[in-house]
Amino acid sequence: MTKLECENKDELKAQCNHCKSIFSAKSSSGTSYLRRHLNSYLKKK
């Protein structure tokens, strides 16, 4: 995942390095879904 800079400083996004999908990366959202996305992507390969 790559951290993306947003115009709104209160917003934080991350982009998957493999499929280029963009996700919300707020600390309040947690990171479990980011990890699940990576695992599901790796299983497909």
N, C-alpha and C. Protein backbone atom coordinates (compact mmCIF):
# COMPACT_ATOMS: atom_id res chain seq x y z
N MET A 1 0.84 -1.18 0.00
CA MET A 1 0.00 0.00 0.00
C MET A 1 0.88 1.24 0.00
N THR A 2 0.40 2.25 -0.71
CA THR A 2 1.09 3.53 -0.75
C THR A 2 0.16 4.60 -0.19
N LYS A 3 0.65 5.41 0.73
CA LYS A 3 -0.12 6.50 1.30
C LYS A 3 -0.29 7.59 0.25
N LEU A 4 -1.52 8.07 0.09
CA LEU A 4 -1.81 9.13 -0.87
C LEU A 4 -2.09 10.44 -0.14
N GLU A 5 -1.58 11.52 -0.66
CA GLU A 5 -1.86 12.84 -0.11
C GLU A 5 -3.19 13.33 -0.69
N CYS A 6 -4.04 13.87 0.16
CA CYS A 6 -5.34 14.38 -0.26
C CYS A 6 -5.39 15.88 -0.05
N GLU A 7 -6.24 16.55 -0.82
CA GLU A 7 -6.41 18.00 -0.66
C GLU A 7 -6.93 18.31 0.74
N ASN A 8 -7.88 17.50 1.21
CA ASN A 8 -8.43 17.65 2.55
C ASN A 8 -7.47 16.95 3.52
N LYS A 9 -6.83 17.70 4.38
CA LYS A 9 -5.82 17.13 5.29
C LYS A 9 -6.42 16.17 6.31
N ASP A 10 -7.75 16.23 6.53
CA ASP A 10 -8.40 15.31 7.46
C ASP A 10 -8.67 13.96 6.83
N GLU A 11 -8.48 13.88 5.53
CA GLU A 11 -8.75 12.64 4.79
C GLU A 11 -7.43 11.96 4.45
N LEU A 12 -7.42 10.64 4.58
CA LEU A 12 -6.21 9.89 4.28
C LEU A 12 -6.61 8.69 3.43
N LYS A 13 -5.88 8.46 2.35
CA LYS A 13 -6.19 7.34 1.46
C LYS A 13 -4.93 6.54 1.20
N ALA A 14 -5.14 5.29 0.83
CA ALA A 14 -4.04 4.40 0.49
C ALA A 14 -4.37 3.71 -0.82
N GLN A 15 -3.35 3.47 -1.63
CA GLN A 15 -3.55 2.82 -2.92
C GLN A 15 -2.80 1.50 -2.92
N CYS A 16 -3.47 0.45 -3.38
CA CYS A 16 -2.85 -0.86 -3.50
C CYS A 16 -1.78 -0.80 -4.58
N ASN A 17 -0.58 -1.25 -4.27
CA ASN A 17 0.52 -1.24 -5.24
C ASN A 17 0.32 -2.24 -6.36
N HIS A 18 -0.55 -3.22 -6.16
CA HIS A 18 -0.74 -4.29 -7.15
C HIS A 18 -1.88 -4.01 -8.11
N CYS A 19 -3.06 -3.69 -7.57
CA CYS A 19 -4.23 -3.51 -8.45
C CYS A 19 -4.64 -2.05 -8.60
N LYS A 20 -3.98 -1.14 -7.86
CA LYS A 20 -4.20 0.31 -7.94
C LYS A 20 -5.55 0.76 -7.38
N SER A 21 -6.25 -0.12 -6.64
CA SER A 21 -7.49 0.29 -5.97
C SER A 21 -7.16 1.29 -4.88
N ILE A 22 -8.08 2.21 -4.61
CA ILE A 22 -7.87 3.24 -3.60
C ILE A 22 -8.84 3.00 -2.44
N PHE A 23 -8.30 3.10 -1.22
CA PHE A 23 -9.07 2.84 -0.01
C PHE A 23 -8.93 3.99 0.96
N SER A 24 -9.94 4.15 1.82
CA SER A 24 -9.83 5.10 2.91
C SER A 24 -8.83 4.52 3.91
N ALA A 25 -7.96 5.35 4.45
CA ALA A 25 -6.94 4.87 5.38
C ALA A 25 -6.98 5.65 6.69
N LYS A 26 -8.16 6.09 7.08
CA LYS A 26 -8.29 6.81 8.34
C LYS A 26 -7.94 5.86 9.49
N SER A 27 -7.34 6.39 10.52
CA SER A 27 -6.99 5.55 11.67
C SER A 27 -8.25 5.00 12.33
N SER A 28 -9.37 5.71 12.24
CA SER A 28 -10.61 5.24 12.84
C SER A 28 -11.20 4.05 12.08
N SER A 29 -10.79 3.86 10.83
CA SER A 29 -11.30 2.75 10.03
C SER A 29 -10.55 1.46 10.32
N GLY A 30 -9.38 1.55 10.88
CA GLY A 30 -8.58 0.35 11.13
C GLY A 30 -7.86 -0.08 9.86
N THR A 31 -7.10 -1.14 9.96
CA THR A 31 -6.33 -1.62 8.81
C THR A 31 -6.69 -3.04 8.40
N SER A 32 -7.65 -3.65 9.09
CA SER A 32 -8.00 -5.04 8.80
C SER A 32 -8.44 -5.23 7.36
N TYR A 33 -9.25 -4.30 6.84
CA TYR A 33 -9.74 -4.46 5.47
C TYR A 33 -8.61 -4.30 4.45
N LEU A 34 -7.61 -3.48 4.78
CA LEU A 34 -6.46 -3.34 3.88
C LEU A 34 -5.70 -4.66 3.82
N ARG A 35 -5.50 -5.28 4.98
CA ARG A 35 -4.81 -6.56 5.05
C ARG A 35 -5.61 -7.65 4.31
N ARG A 36 -6.95 -7.64 4.50
CA ARG A 36 -7.81 -8.63 3.81
C ARG A 36 -7.72 -8.46 2.31
N HIS A 37 -7.70 -7.21 1.84
CA HIS A 37 -7.60 -6.95 0.40
C HIS A 37 -6.30 -7.54 -0.14
N LEU A 38 -5.19 -7.29 0.54
CA LEU A 38 -3.90 -7.81 0.09
C LEU A 38 -3.90 -9.33 0.08
N ASN A 39 -4.44 -9.93 1.12
CA ASN A 39 -4.48 -11.40 1.18
C ASN A 39 -5.33 -11.98 0.06
N SER A 40 -6.48 -11.38 -0.22
CA SER A 40 -7.33 -11.90 -1.29
C SER A 40 -6.68 -11.73 -2.65
N TYR A 41 -5.96 -10.63 -2.81
CA TYR A 41 -5.26 -10.40 -4.08
C TYR A 41 -4.14 -11.44 -4.28
N LEU A 42 -3.40 -11.71 -3.21
CA LEU A 42 -2.30 -12.67 -3.31
C LEU A 42 -2.80 -14.09 -3.53
N LYS A 43 -3.97 -14.42 -2.98
CA LYS A 43 -4.54 -15.76 -3.19
C LYS A 43 -4.93 -15.98 -4.65
N LYS A 44 -5.33 -14.92 -5.33
CA LYS A 44 -5.75 -15.03 -6.73
C LYS A 44 -4.58 -15.34 -7.65
N LYS A 45 -3.37 -14.96 -7.24
CA LYS A 45 -2.19 -15.15 -8.09
C LYS A 45 -1.68 -16.55 -8.03
